[in-house]
Amino acid sequence: MRQFCLTSAARFCSSVFLFLGLCLCARPVLAQKQEVTVSLGGVFSQSRSFQGTGTAQISSDFNLEANYGYRFLHAKTAALYGEIEFVALPNRSVTSATAIVPKNYASLYVAPGLRLKFAPAARISPWVAIGGGYALYQQSAQFSNGQNTTNKFLNRGVFDFGGGLDYTLFRFLGLRAEVRDLVSGNPNLNFASSSSTQHNLISSGGIIVRF
């Protein structure tokens, strides 16, 4: 039950580190305009309502996060970045007293977007970001009443928005704290939800490498 979650997380990490390695190879051409952030955090638990009566509880989970940013415009007051946000949630459990639900599920999100950073030359720089892209959900092999015989993979769109603070330690190194909401189509929880979308609110902290 837990293996499918760990396998998804491992594939995600391998893909991210390969991507980051390719980015680092571009340093001579795009010096000082790129940054890579690797973060660890968590997603908040939530309750989902059925059409009719009943609810399901989705647990909190840790999240693995990576972000690649490229600076397009720079001024004293603000800088505009293009970014690609990667997030993996390896194992969120699902429970319900009134419905048959998958025991847990994993999810991956990839969301290109834009980030506007204020006071980019200051030691502390606040920013806001917005984007959208792709969400992949994978159910566990077990339902709360037995074996899951349905399709375990589900593709959805995702809308990403949030904000945070960057703290510069050195010219090429910094820290980041952020909060984002990944609003996607519903995962397959085996019931008709009262809403067509699901909010996945995450908070995280990480290390920024600039090059």
N, C-alpha and C. Protein backbone atom coordinates (compact mmCIF):
# COMPACT_ATOMS: atom_id res chain seq x y z
N MET A 1 0.84 -1.20 0.00
CA MET A 1 0.00 0.00 0.00
C MET A 1 0.87 1.25 0.00
N ARG A 2 1.94 1.22 0.80
CA ARG A 2 2.78 2.41 0.88
C ARG A 2 3.81 2.45 -0.24
N GLN A 3 4.08 1.25 -0.87
CA GLN A 3 5.14 1.20 -1.85
C GLN A 3 4.86 2.07 -3.06
N PHE A 4 3.59 2.10 -3.51
CA PHE A 4 3.26 2.90 -4.69
C PHE A 4 3.55 4.37 -4.44
N CYS A 5 3.34 4.84 -3.21
CA CYS A 5 3.59 6.23 -2.87
C CYS A 5 5.08 6.53 -2.92
N LEU A 6 5.89 5.64 -2.32
CA LEU A 6 7.33 5.85 -2.29
C LEU A 6 7.93 5.76 -3.69
N THR A 7 7.39 4.87 -4.52
CA THR A 7 7.88 4.76 -5.90
C THR A 7 7.61 6.04 -6.67
N SER A 8 6.42 6.61 -6.52
CA SER A 8 6.10 7.87 -7.20
C SER A 8 7.03 8.98 -6.74
N ALA A 9 7.30 9.05 -5.44
CA ALA A 9 8.18 10.09 -4.92
C ALA A 9 9.60 9.91 -5.45
N ALA A 10 10.07 8.65 -5.54
CA ALA A 10 11.41 8.39 -6.04
C ALA A 10 11.54 8.81 -7.50
N ARG A 11 10.54 8.50 -8.31
CA ARG A 11 10.56 8.90 -9.72
C ARG A 11 10.55 10.41 -9.85
N PHE A 12 9.74 11.05 -9.01
CA PHE A 12 9.68 12.52 -9.03
C PHE A 12 11.05 13.11 -8.72
N CYS A 13 11.70 12.63 -7.65
CA CYS A 13 13.00 13.17 -7.24
C CYS A 13 14.04 12.95 -8.32
N SER A 14 14.04 11.76 -8.95
CA SER A 14 15.01 11.49 -10.02
C SER A 14 14.83 12.45 -11.18
N SER A 15 13.57 12.70 -11.57
CA SER A 15 13.30 13.61 -12.68
C SER A 15 13.72 15.04 -12.34
N VAL A 16 13.44 15.46 -11.11
CA VAL A 16 13.79 16.82 -10.70
C VAL A 16 15.29 17.02 -10.69
N PHE A 17 16.03 16.06 -10.09
CA PHE A 17 17.48 16.23 -10.03
C PHE A 17 18.12 16.18 -11.41
N LEU A 18 17.58 15.39 -12.33
CA LEU A 18 18.08 15.39 -13.70
C LEU A 18 17.84 16.74 -14.34
N PHE A 19 16.65 17.30 -14.13
CA PHE A 19 16.33 18.62 -14.67
C PHE A 19 17.25 19.69 -14.10
N LEU A 20 17.49 19.64 -12.79
CA LEU A 20 18.35 20.63 -12.16
C LEU A 20 19.79 20.52 -12.66
N GLY A 21 20.24 19.30 -12.92
CA GLY A 21 21.58 19.12 -13.46
C GLY A 21 21.72 19.75 -14.83
N LEU A 22 20.69 19.62 -15.67
CA LEU A 22 20.72 20.25 -16.98
C LEU A 22 20.72 21.77 -16.87
N CYS A 23 20.00 22.28 -15.85
CA CYS A 23 19.99 23.73 -15.63
C CYS A 23 21.37 24.23 -15.24
N LEU A 24 22.06 23.50 -14.39
CA LEU A 24 23.39 23.92 -13.95
C LEU A 24 24.39 23.94 -15.10
N CYS A 25 24.18 23.05 -16.09
CA CYS A 25 25.08 23.03 -17.24
C CYS A 25 24.96 24.30 -18.07
N ALA A 26 23.85 25.03 -17.93
CA ALA A 26 23.62 26.25 -18.71
C ALA A 26 24.23 27.48 -18.05
N ARG A 27 24.95 27.32 -16.96
CA ARG A 27 25.46 28.47 -16.20
C ARG A 27 26.31 29.43 -17.02
N PRO A 28 27.25 28.98 -17.87
CA PRO A 28 28.07 29.94 -18.61
C PRO A 28 27.27 30.86 -19.52
N VAL A 29 26.13 30.36 -20.03
CA VAL A 29 25.36 31.15 -20.97
C VAL A 29 24.41 32.10 -20.25
N LEU A 30 23.83 31.64 -19.16
CA LEU A 30 22.78 32.42 -18.49
C LEU A 30 23.20 32.81 -17.08
N ALA A 31 24.46 33.23 -16.91
CA ALA A 31 25.00 33.50 -15.58
C ALA A 31 24.18 34.55 -14.85
N GLN A 32 23.94 34.28 -13.59
CA GLN A 32 23.30 35.21 -12.64
C GLN A 32 21.82 35.47 -12.88
N LYS A 33 21.19 34.81 -13.83
CA LYS A 33 19.77 35.04 -14.08
C LYS A 33 18.91 33.86 -13.65
N GLN A 34 19.51 32.79 -13.19
CA GLN A 34 18.75 31.59 -12.85
C GLN A 34 18.83 31.30 -11.36
N GLU A 35 17.83 30.60 -10.86
CA GLU A 35 17.87 30.12 -9.49
C GLU A 35 17.11 28.81 -9.38
N VAL A 36 17.60 27.95 -8.50
CA VAL A 36 16.99 26.66 -8.23
C VAL A 36 16.73 26.57 -6.73
N THR A 37 15.52 26.18 -6.36
CA THR A 37 15.16 26.05 -4.95
C THR A 37 14.67 24.62 -4.69
N VAL A 38 15.20 24.02 -3.66
CA VAL A 38 14.75 22.70 -3.21
C VAL A 38 14.19 22.87 -1.81
N SER A 39 12.94 22.42 -1.59
CA SER A 39 12.23 22.69 -0.33
C SER A 39 11.59 21.43 0.23
N LEU A 40 11.31 21.49 1.52
CA LEU A 40 10.59 20.44 2.23
C LEU A 40 9.52 21.11 3.09
N GLY A 41 8.34 20.54 3.09
CA GLY A 41 7.26 21.15 3.88
C GLY A 41 6.13 20.18 4.10
N GLY A 42 4.91 20.70 4.13
CA GLY A 42 3.76 19.86 4.39
C GLY A 42 2.50 20.41 3.77
N VAL A 43 1.53 19.53 3.56
CA VAL A 43 0.21 19.93 3.07
C VAL A 43 -0.78 19.77 4.22
N PHE A 44 -1.73 20.69 4.32
CA PHE A 44 -2.69 20.68 5.42
C PHE A 44 -3.77 19.63 5.18
N SER A 45 -4.28 19.05 6.25
CA SER A 45 -5.40 18.11 6.15
C SER A 45 -6.67 18.86 5.75
N GLN A 46 -7.65 18.12 5.27
CA GLN A 46 -8.90 18.75 4.84
C GLN A 46 -10.04 17.76 4.86
N SER A 47 -11.26 18.31 4.80
CA SER A 47 -12.47 17.51 4.76
C SER A 47 -13.18 17.77 3.44
N ARG A 48 -13.65 16.69 2.79
CA ARG A 48 -14.38 16.81 1.54
C ARG A 48 -15.81 16.34 1.75
N SER A 49 -16.78 17.11 1.24
CA SER A 49 -18.20 16.78 1.39
C SER A 49 -18.72 16.04 0.16
N PHE A 50 -19.67 15.12 0.39
CA PHE A 50 -20.31 14.39 -0.69
C PHE A 50 -21.47 15.21 -1.25
N GLN A 51 -21.90 14.83 -2.45
CA GLN A 51 -23.19 15.32 -2.96
C GLN A 51 -24.28 14.55 -2.23
N GLY A 52 -25.00 15.21 -1.40
CA GLY A 52 -25.95 14.54 -0.53
C GLY A 52 -25.50 14.70 0.90
N THR A 53 -25.15 13.58 1.54
CA THR A 53 -24.66 13.64 2.92
C THR A 53 -23.37 12.84 3.05
N GLY A 54 -22.58 13.23 4.02
CA GLY A 54 -21.35 12.50 4.31
C GLY A 54 -20.11 13.30 3.99
N THR A 55 -19.01 12.91 4.59
CA THR A 55 -17.72 13.56 4.37
C THR A 55 -16.62 12.52 4.34
N ALA A 56 -15.49 12.92 3.77
CA ALA A 56 -14.26 12.13 3.82
C ALA A 56 -13.16 13.03 4.36
N GLN A 57 -12.27 12.45 5.17
CA GLN A 57 -11.15 13.19 5.73
C GLN A 57 -9.87 12.80 4.98
N ILE A 58 -9.16 13.82 4.50
CA ILE A 58 -7.87 13.61 3.82
C ILE A 58 -6.77 14.12 4.75
N SER A 59 -5.79 13.28 5.00
CA SER A 59 -4.78 13.60 6.00
C SER A 59 -3.78 14.63 5.49
N SER A 60 -3.03 15.19 6.41
CA SER A 60 -1.87 16.00 6.05
C SER A 60 -0.76 15.07 5.56
N ASP A 61 0.29 15.64 5.00
CA ASP A 61 1.41 14.85 4.48
C ASP A 61 2.60 15.77 4.31
N PHE A 62 3.80 15.21 4.25
CA PHE A 62 4.95 16.04 3.90
C PHE A 62 5.00 16.21 2.39
N ASN A 63 5.63 17.28 1.92
CA ASN A 63 5.77 17.46 0.48
C ASN A 63 7.23 17.70 0.11
N LEU A 64 7.59 17.18 -1.06
CA LEU A 64 8.89 17.42 -1.69
C LEU A 64 8.67 18.44 -2.79
N GLU A 65 9.50 19.47 -2.83
CA GLU A 65 9.25 20.59 -3.74
C GLU A 65 10.55 21.07 -4.37
N ALA A 66 10.49 21.39 -5.65
CA ALA A 66 11.62 21.99 -6.35
C ALA A 66 11.09 23.08 -7.28
N ASN A 67 11.88 24.12 -7.47
CA ASN A 67 11.46 25.25 -8.30
C ASN A 67 12.64 25.76 -9.10
N TYR A 68 12.44 25.92 -10.40
CA TYR A 68 13.43 26.54 -11.27
C TYR A 68 12.90 27.89 -11.72
N GLY A 69 13.70 28.95 -11.56
CA GLY A 69 13.29 30.28 -11.97
C GLY A 69 14.32 30.95 -12.87
N TYR A 70 13.83 31.70 -13.86
CA TYR A 70 14.69 32.46 -14.77
C TYR A 70 14.22 33.91 -14.79
N ARG A 71 15.13 34.84 -14.51
CA ARG A 71 14.77 36.25 -14.43
C ARG A 71 14.72 36.87 -15.82
N PHE A 72 13.52 37.39 -16.18
CA PHE A 72 13.35 38.05 -17.47
C PHE A 72 13.58 39.56 -17.37
N LEU A 73 13.05 40.17 -16.31
CA LEU A 73 13.14 41.62 -16.14
C LEU A 73 13.65 41.94 -14.75
N HIS A 74 14.44 43.01 -14.65
CA HIS A 74 15.01 43.37 -13.36
C HIS A 74 15.04 44.88 -13.20
N ALA A 75 14.54 45.36 -12.07
CA ALA A 75 14.60 46.77 -11.72
C ALA A 75 14.87 46.88 -10.23
N LYS A 76 15.05 48.11 -9.74
CA LYS A 76 15.34 48.28 -8.32
C LYS A 76 14.16 47.86 -7.44
N THR A 77 12.97 48.12 -7.94
CA THR A 77 11.78 47.84 -7.11
C THR A 77 11.24 46.43 -7.27
N ALA A 78 11.45 45.80 -8.42
CA ALA A 78 10.87 44.48 -8.65
C ALA A 78 11.62 43.74 -9.75
N ALA A 79 11.46 42.41 -9.75
CA ALA A 79 12.03 41.56 -10.79
C ALA A 79 10.98 40.52 -11.18
N LEU A 80 10.91 40.21 -12.47
CA LEU A 80 9.94 39.24 -12.98
C LEU A 80 10.66 37.97 -13.41
N TYR A 81 10.18 36.84 -12.88
CA TYR A 81 10.76 35.53 -13.18
C TYR A 81 9.73 34.65 -13.89
N GLY A 82 10.19 33.84 -14.82
CA GLY A 82 9.43 32.67 -15.23
C GLY A 82 9.86 31.52 -14.34
N GLU A 83 8.94 30.65 -14.00
CA GLU A 83 9.28 29.56 -13.09
C GLU A 83 8.58 28.27 -13.49
N ILE A 84 9.15 27.16 -13.02
CA ILE A 84 8.49 25.86 -13.10
C ILE A 84 8.48 25.28 -11.70
N GLU A 85 7.29 25.03 -11.18
CA GLU A 85 7.12 24.52 -9.82
C GLU A 85 6.83 23.02 -9.87
N PHE A 86 7.60 22.24 -9.10
CA PHE A 86 7.41 20.79 -8.98
C PHE A 86 7.04 20.49 -7.53
N VAL A 87 5.97 19.71 -7.31
CA VAL A 87 5.56 19.32 -5.97
C VAL A 87 5.15 17.85 -5.98
N ALA A 88 5.63 17.08 -4.99
CA ALA A 88 5.21 15.69 -4.80
C ALA A 88 4.63 15.52 -3.41
N LEU A 89 3.45 14.91 -3.32
CA LEU A 89 2.83 14.53 -2.05
C LEU A 89 2.75 13.01 -2.05
N PRO A 90 3.64 12.34 -1.34
CA PRO A 90 3.78 10.88 -1.51
C PRO A 90 2.66 10.04 -0.91
N ASN A 91 1.98 10.50 0.17
CA ASN A 91 1.09 9.57 0.84
C ASN A 91 0.06 10.31 1.69
N ARG A 92 -1.13 10.56 1.13
CA ARG A 92 -2.23 11.18 1.88
C ARG A 92 -3.29 10.11 2.13
N SER A 93 -3.58 9.81 3.37
CA SER A 93 -4.58 8.80 3.69
C SER A 93 -5.99 9.40 3.61
N VAL A 94 -6.97 8.53 3.31
CA VAL A 94 -8.37 8.94 3.16
C VAL A 94 -9.22 8.05 4.05
N THR A 95 -10.11 8.66 4.85
CA THR A 95 -11.02 7.90 5.71
C THR A 95 -12.43 8.49 5.60
N SER A 96 -13.43 7.61 5.73
CA SER A 96 -14.82 8.05 5.70
C SER A 96 -15.68 7.04 6.44
N ALA A 97 -16.65 7.54 7.20
CA ALA A 97 -17.57 6.67 7.92
C ALA A 97 -18.75 6.25 7.07
N THR A 98 -18.95 6.91 5.93
CA THR A 98 -20.18 6.68 5.15
C THR A 98 -19.91 6.29 3.70
N ALA A 99 -18.65 6.18 3.27
CA ALA A 99 -18.36 5.86 1.87
C ALA A 99 -17.16 4.93 1.78
N ILE A 100 -17.10 4.17 0.68
CA ILE A 100 -15.95 3.32 0.38
C ILE A 100 -14.94 4.17 -0.38
N VAL A 101 -13.77 4.36 0.18
CA VAL A 101 -12.77 5.26 -0.39
C VAL A 101 -11.42 4.55 -0.49
N PRO A 102 -10.51 5.01 -1.37
CA PRO A 102 -9.16 4.46 -1.37
C PRO A 102 -8.46 4.76 -0.05
N LYS A 103 -7.61 3.84 0.40
CA LYS A 103 -6.96 4.04 1.70
C LYS A 103 -6.00 5.22 1.67
N ASN A 104 -5.36 5.45 0.53
CA ASN A 104 -4.47 6.61 0.41
C ASN A 104 -4.22 6.89 -1.07
N TYR A 105 -3.54 8.00 -1.34
CA TYR A 105 -3.17 8.32 -2.70
C TYR A 105 -1.93 9.21 -2.70
N ALA A 106 -1.23 9.20 -3.83
CA ALA A 106 -0.07 10.07 -4.04
C ALA A 106 -0.40 11.05 -5.16
N SER A 107 0.30 12.18 -5.18
CA SER A 107 0.05 13.17 -6.23
C SER A 107 1.32 13.90 -6.62
N LEU A 108 1.40 14.25 -7.90
CA LEU A 108 2.50 15.03 -8.46
C LEU A 108 1.91 16.24 -9.18
N TYR A 109 2.59 17.39 -9.05
CA TYR A 109 2.13 18.62 -9.71
C TYR A 109 3.32 19.27 -10.42
N VAL A 110 3.08 19.70 -11.65
CA VAL A 110 4.08 20.46 -12.41
C VAL A 110 3.37 21.69 -12.95
N ALA A 111 3.83 22.88 -12.52
CA ALA A 111 3.09 24.11 -12.84
C ALA A 111 4.04 25.22 -13.29
N PRO A 112 4.18 25.45 -14.60
CA PRO A 112 4.91 26.64 -15.07
C PRO A 112 4.13 27.90 -14.70
N GLY A 113 4.85 29.00 -14.50
CA GLY A 113 4.16 30.23 -14.15
C GLY A 113 5.08 31.43 -14.09
N LEU A 114 4.60 32.48 -13.44
CA LEU A 114 5.36 33.73 -13.30
C LEU A 114 5.48 34.07 -11.82
N ARG A 115 6.63 34.66 -11.45
CA ARG A 115 6.86 35.09 -10.07
C ARG A 115 7.34 36.53 -10.09
N LEU A 116 6.69 37.39 -9.31
CA LEU A 116 7.08 38.79 -9.19
C LEU A 116 7.71 39.01 -7.82
N LYS A 117 9.01 39.35 -7.83
CA LYS A 117 9.75 39.55 -6.58
C LYS A 117 9.95 41.04 -6.34
N PHE A 118 9.66 41.49 -5.14
CA PHE A 118 9.81 42.90 -4.77
C PHE A 118 11.12 43.12 -4.03
N ALA A 119 11.72 44.31 -4.26
CA ALA A 119 13.02 44.65 -3.66
C ALA A 119 14.02 43.53 -3.86
N PRO A 120 14.30 43.16 -5.12
CA PRO A 120 15.13 41.98 -5.38
C PRO A 120 16.57 42.11 -4.89
N ALA A 121 17.08 43.33 -4.71
CA ALA A 121 18.46 43.51 -4.25
C ALA A 121 18.56 43.54 -2.73
N ALA A 122 17.42 43.55 -2.02
CA ALA A 122 17.43 43.60 -0.56
C ALA A 122 17.73 42.21 0.02
N ARG A 123 18.12 42.18 1.29
CA ARG A 123 18.39 40.89 1.93
C ARG A 123 17.11 40.07 2.07
N ILE A 124 15.98 40.72 2.37
CA ILE A 124 14.69 40.03 2.45
C ILE A 124 13.80 40.54 1.33
N SER A 125 13.32 39.63 0.48
CA SER A 125 12.53 40.00 -0.69
C SER A 125 11.21 39.22 -0.71
N PRO A 126 10.08 39.87 -0.54
CA PRO A 126 8.79 39.18 -0.68
C PRO A 126 8.45 38.96 -2.15
N TRP A 127 7.62 37.97 -2.42
CA TRP A 127 7.22 37.70 -3.80
C TRP A 127 5.84 37.05 -3.84
N VAL A 128 5.23 37.12 -5.02
CA VAL A 128 3.97 36.43 -5.30
C VAL A 128 4.14 35.66 -6.60
N ALA A 129 3.41 34.56 -6.75
CA ALA A 129 3.55 33.71 -7.94
C ALA A 129 2.19 33.19 -8.36
N ILE A 130 2.08 32.92 -9.66
CA ILE A 130 0.85 32.36 -10.23
C ILE A 130 1.23 31.50 -11.43
N GLY A 131 0.51 30.41 -11.63
CA GLY A 131 0.81 29.54 -12.75
C GLY A 131 -0.24 28.44 -12.90
N GLY A 132 0.03 27.51 -13.77
CA GLY A 132 -0.90 26.41 -14.00
C GLY A 132 -0.24 25.32 -14.81
N GLY A 133 -0.75 24.10 -14.68
CA GLY A 133 -0.12 23.01 -15.41
C GLY A 133 -0.83 21.69 -15.21
N TYR A 134 -0.07 20.68 -14.75
CA TYR A 134 -0.48 19.29 -14.79
C TYR A 134 -0.45 18.67 -13.40
N ALA A 135 -1.47 17.88 -13.07
CA ALA A 135 -1.53 17.12 -11.82
C ALA A 135 -1.75 15.64 -12.15
N LEU A 136 -1.01 14.78 -11.45
CA LEU A 136 -1.17 13.33 -11.59
C LEU A 136 -1.53 12.75 -10.22
N TYR A 137 -2.64 12.02 -10.16
CA TYR A 137 -3.05 11.35 -8.93
C TYR A 137 -2.94 9.84 -9.12
N GLN A 138 -2.46 9.15 -8.07
CA GLN A 138 -2.37 7.70 -8.09
C GLN A 138 -2.99 7.13 -6.82
N GLN A 139 -4.05 6.35 -6.98
CA GLN A 139 -4.72 5.72 -5.84
C GLN A 139 -3.92 4.53 -5.35
N SER A 140 -4.17 4.15 -4.09
CA SER A 140 -3.60 2.92 -3.56
C SER A 140 -4.29 1.71 -4.18
N ALA A 141 -3.70 0.56 -3.97
CA ALA A 141 -4.27 -0.69 -4.50
C ALA A 141 -5.41 -1.20 -3.63
N GLN A 142 -5.65 -0.56 -2.50
CA GLN A 142 -6.68 -1.03 -1.58
C GLN A 142 -7.74 0.05 -1.35
N PHE A 143 -9.01 -0.37 -1.36
CA PHE A 143 -10.10 0.47 -0.87
C PHE A 143 -10.33 0.14 0.61
N SER A 144 -11.17 0.93 1.24
CA SER A 144 -11.47 0.69 2.65
C SER A 144 -12.23 -0.62 2.85
N ASN A 145 -12.80 -1.19 1.76
CA ASN A 145 -13.53 -2.46 1.88
C ASN A 145 -12.85 -3.59 1.10
N GLY A 146 -11.65 -3.38 0.55
CA GLY A 146 -11.00 -4.45 -0.19
C GLY A 146 -10.18 -3.93 -1.35
N GLN A 147 -10.03 -4.76 -2.39
CA GLN A 147 -9.15 -4.48 -3.51
C GLN A 147 -9.72 -3.40 -4.43
N ASN A 148 -8.83 -2.53 -4.90
CA ASN A 148 -9.20 -1.50 -5.86
C ASN A 148 -9.03 -2.05 -7.28
N THR A 149 -10.12 -2.17 -8.02
CA THR A 149 -10.06 -2.72 -9.38
C THR A 149 -10.21 -1.63 -10.45
N THR A 150 -10.32 -0.37 -10.04
CA THR A 150 -10.49 0.72 -10.99
C THR A 150 -9.12 1.23 -11.47
N ASN A 151 -9.13 2.12 -12.45
CA ASN A 151 -7.90 2.75 -12.92
C ASN A 151 -7.27 3.55 -11.78
N LYS A 152 -6.01 3.27 -11.46
CA LYS A 152 -5.38 3.88 -10.29
C LYS A 152 -4.72 5.21 -10.61
N PHE A 153 -4.63 5.59 -11.90
CA PHE A 153 -4.00 6.85 -12.29
C PHE A 153 -5.06 7.81 -12.85
N LEU A 154 -4.90 9.09 -12.53
CA LEU A 154 -5.84 10.09 -13.00
C LEU A 154 -5.08 11.38 -13.32
N ASN A 155 -5.30 11.93 -14.52
CA ASN A 155 -4.66 13.16 -14.96
C ASN A 155 -5.62 14.33 -14.78
N ARG A 156 -5.11 15.42 -14.21
CA ARG A 156 -5.92 16.62 -13.98
C ARG A 156 -5.11 17.86 -14.33
N GLY A 157 -5.80 18.98 -14.49
CA GLY A 157 -5.14 20.27 -14.57
C GLY A 157 -4.98 20.85 -13.17
N VAL A 158 -4.06 21.81 -13.03
CA VAL A 158 -3.85 22.44 -11.73
C VAL A 158 -3.59 23.93 -11.92
N PHE A 159 -4.12 24.73 -11.02
CA PHE A 159 -3.87 26.17 -10.96
C PHE A 159 -3.09 26.44 -9.68
N ASP A 160 -1.97 27.15 -9.81
CA ASP A 160 -1.04 27.34 -8.70
C ASP A 160 -0.90 28.82 -8.38
N PHE A 161 -1.06 29.19 -7.11
CA PHE A 161 -0.79 30.57 -6.71
C PHE A 161 -0.28 30.59 -5.27
N GLY A 162 0.49 31.63 -4.93
CA GLY A 162 1.02 31.71 -3.58
C GLY A 162 1.99 32.86 -3.43
N GLY A 163 2.71 32.85 -2.33
CA GLY A 163 3.66 33.90 -2.04
C GLY A 163 4.66 33.45 -0.99
N GLY A 164 5.71 34.26 -0.82
CA GLY A 164 6.72 33.88 0.16
C GLY A 164 7.75 34.97 0.36
N LEU A 165 8.81 34.59 1.06
CA LEU A 165 9.93 35.48 1.35
C LEU A 165 11.23 34.78 1.01
N ASP A 166 12.13 35.50 0.33
CA ASP A 166 13.49 35.02 0.08
C ASP A 166 14.46 35.81 0.95
N TYR A 167 15.39 35.08 1.58
CA TYR A 167 16.40 35.70 2.43
C TYR A 167 17.78 35.39 1.85
N THR A 168 18.55 36.42 1.53
CA THR A 168 19.86 36.23 0.92
C THR A 168 20.93 36.03 1.99
N LEU A 169 21.58 34.86 1.95
CA LEU A 169 22.71 34.59 2.84
C LEU A 169 24.01 35.09 2.23
N PHE A 170 24.25 34.70 0.98
CA PHE A 170 25.40 35.12 0.19
C PHE A 170 24.90 35.44 -1.21
N ARG A 171 25.78 35.87 -2.07
CA ARG A 171 25.36 36.26 -3.41
C ARG A 171 24.70 35.11 -4.15
N PHE A 172 25.22 33.90 -3.97
CA PHE A 172 24.72 32.75 -4.72
C PHE A 172 23.84 31.81 -3.89
N LEU A 173 23.59 32.17 -2.65
CA LEU A 173 22.88 31.25 -1.77
C LEU A 173 21.86 32.00 -0.91
N GLY A 174 20.68 31.40 -0.75
CA GLY A 174 19.65 32.03 0.06
C GLY A 174 18.69 31.01 0.64
N LEU A 175 17.71 31.50 1.40
CA LEU A 175 16.68 30.67 2.01
C LEU A 175 15.31 31.15 1.54
N ARG A 176 14.35 30.23 1.49
CA ARG A 176 13.00 30.58 1.06
C ARG A 176 11.96 29.97 1.99
N ALA A 177 10.95 30.78 2.33
CA ALA A 177 9.75 30.30 3.03
C ALA A 177 8.54 30.68 2.18
N GLU A 178 7.61 29.76 2.00
CA GLU A 178 6.50 30.05 1.10
C GLU A 178 5.24 29.28 1.47
N VAL A 179 4.13 29.78 0.95
CA VAL A 179 2.83 29.11 1.04
C VAL A 179 2.22 29.14 -0.35
N ARG A 180 1.73 27.99 -0.81
CA ARG A 180 1.08 27.91 -2.12
C ARG A 180 -0.20 27.09 -2.00
N ASP A 181 -1.13 27.39 -2.89
CA ASP A 181 -2.34 26.59 -3.03
C ASP A 181 -2.36 26.00 -4.42
N LEU A 182 -2.40 24.68 -4.51
CA LEU A 182 -2.49 23.97 -5.79
C LEU A 182 -3.95 23.53 -5.96
N VAL A 183 -4.67 24.25 -6.80
CA VAL A 183 -6.10 23.99 -7.00
C VAL A 183 -6.25 23.12 -8.24
N SER A 184 -6.68 21.90 -8.04
CA SER A 184 -6.74 20.94 -9.16
C SER A 184 -8.14 20.36 -9.28
N GLY A 185 -8.33 19.60 -10.37
CA GLY A 185 -9.51 18.77 -10.44
C GLY A 185 -9.45 17.71 -9.36
N ASN A 186 -10.58 17.13 -9.01
CA ASN A 186 -10.64 16.18 -7.90
C ASN A 186 -9.86 14.90 -8.20
N PRO A 187 -9.15 14.36 -7.19
CA PRO A 187 -8.67 12.98 -7.31
C PRO A 187 -9.86 12.03 -7.28
N ASN A 188 -9.66 10.80 -7.70
CA ASN A 188 -10.74 9.81 -7.70
C ASN A 188 -10.86 9.22 -6.29
N LEU A 189 -11.78 9.74 -5.51
CA LEU A 189 -12.00 9.26 -4.14
C LEU A 189 -13.19 8.31 -4.04
N ASN A 190 -13.76 7.95 -5.20
CA ASN A 190 -14.85 6.97 -5.28
C ASN A 190 -16.17 7.49 -4.74
N PHE A 191 -16.34 8.81 -4.77
CA PHE A 191 -17.64 9.39 -4.43
C PHE A 191 -17.79 10.71 -5.18
N ALA A 192 -19.02 11.15 -5.36
CA ALA A 192 -19.30 12.42 -6.03
C ALA A 192 -19.14 13.55 -5.03
N SER A 193 -18.14 14.39 -5.26
CA SER A 193 -17.88 15.49 -4.33
C SER A 193 -18.82 16.66 -4.61
N SER A 194 -19.05 17.47 -3.59
CA SER A 194 -19.91 18.64 -3.75
C SER A 194 -19.19 19.77 -4.49
N SER A 195 -17.88 19.64 -4.70
CA SER A 195 -17.10 20.63 -5.44
C SER A 195 -16.34 19.94 -6.56
N SER A 196 -16.13 20.66 -7.67
CA SER A 196 -15.43 20.08 -8.82
C SER A 196 -13.92 20.24 -8.72
N THR A 197 -13.43 20.94 -7.70
CA THR A 197 -11.99 21.16 -7.54
C THR A 197 -11.57 20.84 -6.11
N GLN A 198 -10.26 20.65 -5.94
CA GLN A 198 -9.71 20.40 -4.61
C GLN A 198 -8.54 21.35 -4.36
N HIS A 199 -8.55 22.02 -3.21
CA HIS A 199 -7.44 22.86 -2.79
C HIS A 199 -6.40 22.01 -2.07
N ASN A 200 -5.13 22.18 -2.44
CA ASN A 200 -4.03 21.48 -1.79
C ASN A 200 -3.08 22.55 -1.27
N LEU A 201 -3.29 22.97 -0.02
CA LEU A 201 -2.55 24.09 0.55
C LEU A 201 -1.27 23.58 1.21
N ILE A 202 -0.12 24.07 0.72
CA ILE A 202 1.17 23.62 1.22
C ILE A 202 1.96 24.79 1.79
N SER A 203 2.80 24.50 2.76
CA SER A 203 3.77 25.47 3.26
C SER A 203 5.11 24.78 3.32
N SER A 204 6.19 25.50 3.00
CA SER A 204 7.49 24.85 2.91
C SER A 204 8.62 25.85 3.12
N GLY A 205 9.80 25.31 3.36
CA GLY A 205 11.00 26.11 3.46
C GLY A 205 12.14 25.39 2.76
N GLY A 206 13.07 26.16 2.16
CA GLY A 206 14.13 25.51 1.41
C GLY A 206 15.34 26.40 1.16
N ILE A 207 16.22 25.88 0.33
CA ILE A 207 17.49 26.53 0.01
C ILE A 207 17.47 26.96 -1.45
N ILE A 208 17.91 28.19 -1.72
CA ILE A 208 17.99 28.75 -3.07
C ILE A 208 19.46 28.76 -3.51
N VAL A 209 19.71 28.29 -4.72
CA VAL A 209 21.04 28.40 -5.34
C VAL A 209 20.89 29.24 -6.59
N ARG A 210 21.63 30.35 -6.69
CA ARG A 210 21.58 31.26 -7.84
C ARG A 210 22.82 31.08 -8.69
N PHE A 211 22.63 31.16 -10.02
CA PHE A 211 23.77 31.00 -10.92
C PHE A 211 23.50 31.70 -12.24
